[in-house]
Amino acid sequence: MVFGGLDSMWIVVMFDLPTDTKAARRAYTQFRKQLITDGFIMMQYSVYARHCGTDENAQVHINRTKGALPDDGEVRILTLTDKQFSKVQTFYGKIRKPTEKAPEQLQFF
């Protein structure tokens, strides 16, 4: 398996979940914790991303995310290749911030 290779990609999960009741806040927290447990990093509020070494690996994490979907709210799952993700432009005010990099290449024999 090679990370950062031709088949590697990013999964981006964007969500807008209700927090108007105690039960809704609990569902929001459980969903967010599941993403973090599964290796997602917070890019900004309600937007999380995870790098995957292969399409098959990405599908495993997409399925886990689908399995953790709360009953209410909106969740979008987007996949981007490393090349597409590298074109993301991030700014803090007017100052450009470098795009997150894929993990260093790892090979398992």
C-alpha atoms as a PDB file:
ATOM      1  CA  MET A   1       0.000   0.000   0.000  1.00  0.00           C
ATOM      2  CA  VAL A   2       1.336   3.423  -0.893  1.00  0.00           C
ATOM      3  CA  PHE A   3       0.111   6.672   0.659  1.00  0.00           C
ATOM      4  CA  GLY A   4       0.419   9.791  -1.426  1.00  0.00           C
ATOM      5  CA  GLY A   5       0.456   7.682  -4.597  1.00  0.00           C
ATOM      6  CA  LEU A   6      -1.691   7.678  -7.718  1.00  0.00           C
ATOM      7  CA  ASP A   7      -4.776   6.149  -6.107  1.00  0.00           C
ATOM      8  CA  SER A   8      -4.686   8.180  -2.909  1.00  0.00           C
ATOM      9  CA  MET A   9      -7.459  10.611  -2.158  1.00  0.00           C
ATOM     10  CA  TRP A  10      -9.104  12.764   0.449  1.00  0.00           C
ATOM     11  CA  ILE A  11     -12.582  12.325   1.896  1.00  0.00           C
ATOM     12  CA  VAL A  12     -14.242  15.564   2.977  1.00  0.00           C
ATOM     13  CA  VAL A  13     -17.316  15.380   5.201  1.00  0.00           C
ATOM     14  CA  MET A  14     -19.404  18.538   5.555  1.00  0.00           C
ATOM     15  CA  PHE A  15     -22.387  18.624   7.855  1.00  0.00           C
ATOM     16  CA  ASP A  16     -25.097  20.864   9.191  1.00  0.00           C
ATOM     17  CA  LEU A  17     -26.736  19.143  12.137  1.00  0.00           C
ATOM     18  CA  PRO A  18     -29.373  20.501  14.498  1.00  0.00           C
ATOM     19  CA  THR A  19     -28.361  21.332  18.074  1.00  0.00           C
ATOM     20  CA  ASP A  20     -31.660  22.703  19.352  1.00  0.00           C
ATOM     21  CA  THR A  21     -32.385  19.870  21.804  1.00  0.00           C
ATOM     22  CA  LYS A  22     -30.310  17.804  24.202  1.00  0.00           C
ATOM     23  CA  ALA A  23     -30.840  14.722  22.010  1.00  0.00           C
ATOM     24  CA  ALA A  24     -29.771  16.631  18.872  1.00  0.00           C
ATOM     25  CA  ARG A  25     -26.614  17.909  20.604  1.00  0.00           C
ATOM     26  CA  ARG A  26     -25.821  14.353  21.703  1.00  0.00           C
ATOM     27  CA  ALA A  27     -26.243  13.067  18.113  1.00  0.00           C
ATOM     28  CA  TYR A  28     -24.015  15.903  16.818  1.00  0.00           C
ATOM     29  CA  THR A  29     -21.330  15.080  19.378  1.00  0.00           C
ATOM     30  CA  GLN A  30     -21.477  11.338  18.649  1.00  0.00           C
ATOM     31  CA  PHE A  31     -21.167  11.918  14.890  1.00  0.00           C
ATOM     32  CA  ARG A  32     -18.245  14.316  15.327  1.00  0.00           C
ATOM     33  CA  LYS A  33     -16.457  11.939  17.725  1.00  0.00           C
ATOM     34  CA  GLN A  34     -16.938   9.061  15.264  1.00  0.00           C
ATOM     35  CA  LEU A  35     -15.239  11.095  12.523  1.00  0.00           C
ATOM     36  CA  ILE A  36     -12.298  11.881  14.817  1.00  0.00           C
ATOM     37  CA  THR A  37     -12.020   8.265  15.964  1.00  0.00           C
ATOM     38  CA  ASP A  38     -11.942   7.229  12.306  1.00  0.00           C
ATOM     39  CA  GLY A  39      -8.973   9.516  11.625  1.00  0.00           C
ATOM     40  CA  PHE A  40     -10.673  12.625  10.248  1.00  0.00           C
ATOM     41  CA  ILE A  41      -9.189  16.035  11.038  1.00  0.00           C
ATOM     42  CA  MET A  42     -11.177  19.216  11.454  1.00  0.00           C
ATOM     43  CA  MET A  43     -10.567  21.637   8.585  1.00  0.00           C
ATOM     44  CA  GLN A  44     -13.095  24.126   9.946  1.00  0.00           C
ATOM     45  CA  TYR A  45     -16.312  23.883  11.942  1.00  0.00           C
ATOM     46  CA  SER A  46     -18.462  21.064  10.564  1.00  0.00           C
ATOM     47  CA  VAL A  47     -15.922  20.236   7.812  1.00  0.00           C
ATOM     48  CA  TYR A  48     -13.654  17.240   8.384  1.00  0.00           C
ATOM     49  CA  ALA A  49     -11.178  15.523   6.056  1.00  0.00           C
ATOM     50  CA  ARG A  50      -9.266  12.263   5.965  1.00  0.00           C
ATOM     51  CA  HIS A  51      -6.525  11.064   3.634  1.00  0.00           C
ATOM     52  CA  CYS A  52      -6.861   7.542   2.234  1.00  0.00           C
ATOM     53  CA  GLY A  53      -4.187   5.583   0.419  1.00  0.00           C
ATOM     54  CA  THR A  54      -6.523   3.817  -2.008  1.00  0.00           C
ATOM     55  CA  ASP A  55     -10.043   4.011  -3.366  1.00  0.00           C
ATOM     56  CA  GLU A  56     -10.886   0.803  -1.490  1.00  0.00           C
ATOM     57  CA  ASN A  57      -9.649   2.322   1.780  1.00  0.00           C
ATOM     58  CA  ALA A  58     -11.689   5.468   1.115  1.00  0.00           C
ATOM     59  CA  GLN A  59     -14.815   3.368   0.602  1.00  0.00           C
ATOM     60  CA  VAL A  60     -14.296   1.723   4.016  1.00  0.00           C
ATOM     61  CA  HIS A  61     -14.234   5.145   5.690  1.00  0.00           C
ATOM     62  CA  ILE A  62     -17.175   6.425   3.640  1.00  0.00           C
ATOM     63  CA  ASN A  63     -19.206   3.392   4.736  1.00  0.00           C
ATOM     64  CA  ARG A  64     -18.235   3.996   8.388  1.00  0.00           C
ATOM     65  CA  THR A  65     -19.365   7.610   8.047  1.00  0.00           C
ATOM     66  CA  LYS A  66     -22.672   6.529   6.494  1.00  0.00           C
ATOM     67  CA  GLY A  67     -23.145   4.063   9.352  1.00  0.00           C
ATOM     68  CA  ALA A  68     -22.750   6.881  11.892  1.00  0.00           C
ATOM     69  CA  LEU A  69     -25.180   9.318  10.235  1.00  0.00           C
ATOM     70  CA  PRO A  70     -27.548  10.963  12.703  1.00  0.00           C
ATOM     71  CA  ASP A  71     -31.301  10.829  12.141  1.00  0.00           C
ATOM     72  CA  ASP A  72     -31.589  14.560  11.381  1.00  0.00           C
ATOM     73  CA  GLY A  73     -29.526  17.165   9.569  1.00  0.00           C
ATOM     74  CA  GLU A  74     -27.558  17.272   6.351  1.00  0.00           C
ATOM     75  CA  VAL A  75     -24.259  15.495   5.664  1.00  0.00           C
ATOM     76  CA  ARG A  76     -22.278  15.688   2.417  1.00  0.00           C
ATOM     77  CA  ILE A  77     -19.389  13.364   1.595  1.00  0.00           C
ATOM     78  CA  LEU A  78     -16.958  14.465  -1.086  1.00  0.00           C
ATOM     79  CA  THR A  79     -13.921  12.624  -2.453  1.00  0.00           C
ATOM     80  CA  LEU A  80     -10.998  14.434  -4.037  1.00  0.00           C
ATOM     81  CA  THR A  81      -7.795  13.150  -5.556  1.00  0.00           C
ATOM     82  CA  ASP A  82      -4.526  14.410  -4.079  1.00  0.00           C
ATOM     83  CA  LYS A  83      -4.128  16.639  -7.142  1.00  0.00           C
ATOM     84  CA  GLN A  84      -7.598  18.138  -6.733  1.00  0.00           C
ATOM     85  CA  PHE A  85      -7.098  18.632  -2.991  1.00  0.00           C
ATOM     86  CA  SER A  86      -3.757  20.358  -3.564  1.00  0.00           C
ATOM     87  CA  LYS A  87      -5.632  23.095  -5.469  1.00  0.00           C
ATOM     88  CA  VAL A  88      -7.686  24.054  -2.405  1.00  0.00           C
ATOM     89  CA  GLN A  89      -6.929  27.647  -1.439  1.00  0.00           C
ATOM     90  CA  THR A  90      -7.217  28.414   2.267  1.00  0.00           C
ATOM     91  CA  PHE A  91      -7.074  31.914   3.728  1.00  0.00           C
ATOM     92  CA  TYR A  92      -7.006  33.419   7.212  1.00  0.00           C
ATOM     93  CA  GLY A  93      -8.324  36.855   6.407  1.00  0.00           C
ATOM     94  CA  LYS A  94      -6.309  37.887   3.358  1.00  0.00           C
ATOM     95  CA  ILE A  95      -3.311  35.728   4.257  1.00  0.00           C
ATOM     96  CA  ARG A  96      -2.994  32.479   2.311  1.00  0.00           C
ATOM     97  CA  LYS A  97      -2.354  29.361   4.356  1.00  0.00           C
ATOM     98  CA  PRO A  98      -0.651  26.307   2.781  1.00  0.00           C
ATOM     99  CA  THR A  99      -2.959  23.433   1.847  1.00  0.00           C
ATOM    100  CA  GLU A 100      -2.759  20.367   4.072  1.00  0.00           C
ATOM    101  CA  LYS A 101      -0.347  17.778   2.716  1.00  0.00           C
ATOM    102  CA  ALA A 102      -0.963  14.069   2.316  1.00  0.00           C
ATOM    103  CA  PRO A 103       0.939  11.885   4.788  1.00  0.00           C
ATOM    104  CA  GLU A 104       4.456  10.920   3.768  1.00  0.00           C
ATOM    105  CA  GLN A 105       4.637   7.865   1.553  1.00  0.00           C
ATOM    106  CA  LEU A 106       4.599   4.620   3.467  1.00  0.00           C
ATOM    107  CA  GLN A 107       5.065   1.223   1.939  1.00  0.00           C
ATOM    108  CA  PHE A 108       4.147  -2.093   3.485  1.00  0.00           C
ATOM    109  CA  PHE A 109       5.706  -5.204   2.009  1.00  0.00           C
END
